Protein backbone atom coordinates (compact mmCIF):
# COMPACT_ATOMS: atom_id res chain seq x y z
CA UNK A 1 -20.99 48.62 -102.16
CA UNK A 2 -19.17 52.01 -100.19
CA UNK A 3 -23.03 52.05 -98.56
CA UNK A 4 -23.06 49.07 -97.10
CA UNK A 5 -19.34 49.32 -95.96
CA UNK A 6 -20.44 52.37 -94.18
CA UNK A 7 -23.33 51.48 -93.07
CA UNK A 8 -21.79 47.97 -91.25
CA UNK A 9 -19.24 50.42 -89.55
CA UNK A 10 -22.11 52.79 -88.49
CA UNK A 11 -23.97 49.30 -87.04
CA UNK A 12 -20.26 48.46 -85.30
CA UNK A 13 -20.61 51.77 -83.57
CA UNK A 14 -24.02 51.92 -82.65
CA UNK A 15 -23.65 48.55 -80.67
CA UNK A 16 -20.46 50.01 -79.04
CA UNK A 17 -22.45 51.82 -76.31
CA UNK A 18 -24.88 49.04 -75.43
CA UNK A 19 -22.05 46.63 -74.15
CA UNK A 20 -20.79 49.46 -72.23
CA UNK A 21 -24.16 49.71 -70.37
CA UNK A 22 -23.91 48.85 -66.33
CA UNK A 23 -25.06 45.08 -66.72
CA UNK A 24 -27.64 45.99 -63.78
CA UNK A 25 -29.58 49.02 -64.29
CA UNK A 26 -30.12 50.53 -60.78
CA UNK A 27 -33.32 52.14 -59.61
CA UNK A 28 -33.88 55.46 -59.33
CA UNK A 29 -33.82 55.42 -55.59
CA UNK A 30 -32.37 52.58 -53.55
CA UNK A 31 -35.39 50.76 -52.06
CA UNK A 32 -36.02 48.69 -49.01
CA UNK A 33 -35.60 44.87 -48.86
CA UNK A 34 -36.71 41.79 -46.38
CA UNK A 35 -34.36 39.62 -45.69
CA UNK A 36 -36.42 35.53 -45.26
CA UNK A 37 -33.38 33.88 -42.39
CA UNK A 38 -30.77 31.43 -44.51
CA UNK A 39 -27.86 29.43 -43.34
CA UNK A 40 -24.07 29.40 -44.53
CA UNK A 41 -22.37 25.92 -45.47
CA UNK A 42 -21.64 25.22 -41.91
CA UNK A 43 -24.97 25.82 -41.15
CA UNK A 44 -25.33 28.81 -38.83
CA UNK A 45 -28.63 31.28 -38.77
CA UNK A 46 -28.30 34.24 -41.04
CA UNK A 47 -29.80 37.36 -42.61
CA UNK A 48 -28.74 40.11 -44.98
CA UNK A 49 -28.56 42.34 -41.70
CA UNK A 50 -25.23 39.79 -41.32
CA UNK A 51 -23.91 41.82 -44.22
CA UNK A 52 -24.85 45.17 -43.23
CA UNK A 53 -21.69 47.51 -44.54
CA UNK A 54 -20.94 46.27 -47.45
CA UNK A 55 -21.79 45.59 -50.76
CA UNK A 56 -23.38 42.29 -51.48
CA UNK A 57 -24.39 40.86 -55.27
CA UNK A 58 -26.99 38.62 -53.88
CA UNK A 59 -27.94 35.61 -56.72
CA UNK A 60 -30.72 32.98 -56.27
CA UNK A 61 -30.00 30.28 -58.09
CA UNK A 62 -30.42 26.30 -57.69
CA UNK A 63 -28.17 23.15 -59.10
CA UNK A 64 -31.03 21.94 -61.38
CA UNK A 65 -31.02 25.66 -62.81
CA UNK A 66 -29.19 25.40 -66.00
CA UNK A 67 -28.48 29.08 -66.64
CA UNK A 68 -27.54 28.71 -62.80
CA UNK A 69 -24.46 26.23 -63.37
CA UNK A 70 -23.59 28.10 -66.28
CA UNK A 71 -22.93 31.64 -64.33
CA UNK A 72 -21.61 29.86 -61.03
CA UNK A 73 -17.77 29.94 -62.77
CA UNK A 74 -17.94 34.04 -63.79
CA UNK A 75 -19.45 34.57 -59.81
CA UNK A 76 -16.38 32.82 -58.48
CA UNK A 77 -14.25 34.73 -60.44
CA UNK A 78 -16.03 38.11 -59.45
CA UNK A 79 -15.94 36.86 -55.92
CA UNK A 80 -12.34 36.24 -56.09
CA UNK A 81 -11.63 39.78 -57.67
CA UNK A 82 -13.78 41.60 -55.86
CA UNK A 83 -14.38 39.61 -52.60
CA UNK A 84 -13.17 42.09 -49.40
CA UNK A 85 -14.85 43.47 -46.42
CA UNK A 86 -16.34 46.17 -48.69
CA UNK A 87 -17.89 43.56 -51.32
CA UNK A 88 -19.61 39.77 -50.84
CA UNK A 89 -20.95 38.03 -53.54
CA UNK A 90 -24.10 35.93 -52.02
CA UNK A 91 -25.00 32.80 -53.61
CA UNK A 92 -28.38 31.53 -52.04
CA UNK A 93 -29.62 28.26 -53.06
CA UNK A 94 -33.09 27.20 -52.99
CA UNK A 95 -31.65 23.57 -53.31
CA UNK A 96 -34.55 21.66 -51.37
CA UNK A 97 -31.64 18.57 -52.04
CA UNK A 98 -30.15 20.88 -48.44
CA UNK A 99 -26.24 21.62 -48.40
CA UNK A 100 -24.85 18.17 -49.59
CA UNK A 101 -25.73 18.87 -53.54
CA UNK A 102 -24.67 22.55 -53.11
CA UNK A 103 -21.12 21.21 -51.49
CA UNK A 104 -21.09 18.37 -54.32
CA UNK A 105 -21.86 20.61 -57.10
CA UNK A 106 -19.62 23.52 -56.11
CA UNK A 107 -16.78 20.64 -56.20
CA UNK A 108 -17.28 19.50 -59.68
CA UNK A 109 -17.64 22.55 -60.92
CA UNK A 110 -13.96 23.32 -59.05
CA UNK A 111 -15.43 26.35 -56.76
CA UNK A 112 -13.28 28.04 -54.42
CA UNK A 113 -13.72 31.93 -53.20
CA UNK A 114 -17.58 31.79 -53.02
CA UNK A 115 -19.55 31.00 -49.77
CA UNK A 116 -22.73 28.27 -49.51
CA UNK A 117 -26.01 29.23 -48.60
CA UNK A 118 -29.26 28.11 -48.67
CA UNK A 119 -32.65 28.93 -48.17
CA UNK A 120 -36.59 27.61 -48.39
CA UNK A 121 -37.68 28.22 -52.30
CA UNK A 122 -40.56 29.70 -51.71
CA UNK A 123 -39.58 31.71 -48.56
CA UNK A 124 -36.92 33.50 -50.86
CA UNK A 125 -38.85 33.84 -53.80
CA UNK A 126 -41.39 35.51 -52.45
CA UNK A 127 -39.41 37.84 -49.92
CA UNK A 128 -36.95 38.61 -52.38
CA UNK A 129 -40.33 39.21 -55.32
CA UNK A 130 -37.66 36.75 -57.17
CA UNK A 131 -40.18 35.07 -60.22
CA UNK A 132 -37.56 33.44 -62.33
CA UNK A 133 -33.21 32.09 -62.04
CA UNK A 134 -31.50 33.43 -61.81
CA UNK A 135 -32.12 36.41 -60.18
CA UNK A 136 -29.19 38.57 -59.05
CA UNK A 137 -30.04 41.55 -56.90
CA UNK A 138 -27.50 44.34 -55.71
CA UNK A 139 -27.70 45.31 -52.25
CA UNK A 140 -26.21 48.56 -51.19
CA UNK A 141 -24.17 48.68 -47.69
CA UNK A 142 -27.31 49.52 -46.16
CA UNK A 143 -29.31 46.41 -47.00
CA UNK A 144 -31.58 48.47 -49.97
CA UNK A 145 -31.71 47.17 -52.75
CA UNK A 146 -29.75 49.40 -55.90
CA UNK A 147 -30.71 47.05 -59.17
CA UNK A 148 -31.60 43.64 -60.26
CA UNK A 149 -31.10 41.32 -63.06
CA UNK A 150 -33.46 38.19 -64.19
CA UNK A 151 -31.08 35.74 -66.03
CA UNK A 152 -27.64 35.09 -66.09
CA UNK A 153 -25.00 36.89 -66.85
CA UNK A 154 -20.91 37.06 -67.20
CA UNK A 155 -20.29 38.65 -64.02
CA UNK A 156 -16.76 38.91 -64.16
CA UNK A 157 -16.80 41.02 -67.24
CA UNK A 158 -15.43 44.16 -67.80
CA UNK A 159 -18.21 46.07 -67.79
CA UNK A 160 -19.49 44.32 -64.26
CA UNK A 161 -16.07 45.06 -62.73
CA UNK A 162 -16.29 48.52 -63.30
CA UNK A 163 -20.17 48.54 -62.17
CA UNK A 164 -19.24 47.28 -58.55
CA UNK A 165 -15.89 48.94 -58.21
CA UNK A 166 -18.07 52.02 -58.48
CA UNK A 167 -20.53 51.43 -56.41
CA UNK A 168 -17.86 49.83 -53.73
CA UNK A 169 -16.17 53.02 -54.17
CA UNK A 170 -19.21 55.24 -54.14
CA UNK A 171 -19.75 53.99 -50.69
CA UNK A 172 -16.51 54.47 -48.90
CA UNK A 173 -17.61 58.54 -48.71
C-alpha cells in the first residue's frame, strides 16, 4: 500500500514538467513563410507583411469547425491580455459564407478583442501547409514561422501566456 502511494506521487511529479512545456514547440530556426492575400472585417486587402514588426499568433479556423469554435474565447482572452504594438492574435477564417457568418459567430460567443479576417480556404491551406483545423502558427517580427500547433489549445493558459511573453520580450532587444 505504501509503495503504491509513493508511485502515485512520483507519477504526479513526473507529469508536472509536461504541463510546463511550451504550448507551441518551436522550430530550431525560424522558417520563411508565404502570405496569401486576405481581407479584414472592413474588407481591406492585407497580407502578413501588414503585421511586420509584431509577434503574430495566426490561427486558421472556420465557424463550422467545432474545436475552432471552442478555442475562440481563449484566443479572445489572449488578445485582451497581450494584444499591443508588439503582439497580435490574427484569427484567419476560411469560411466560404464570408464575413457575415464570422460577425454573427463573434456576436454569438461575445468576442470583443479579436479582429475579423477572411481568406480563400484552398489558397490559405496550401500557402500555410495547414492540413487540419485549427492550425495555429507563431510568427516572429520578421514574418517567419517560429512554430505551429495543429489542433485546439487553451491559448490564455499560464503556460501559453509565459511562452508568448518570452518571445515578445526577446524581440524587443
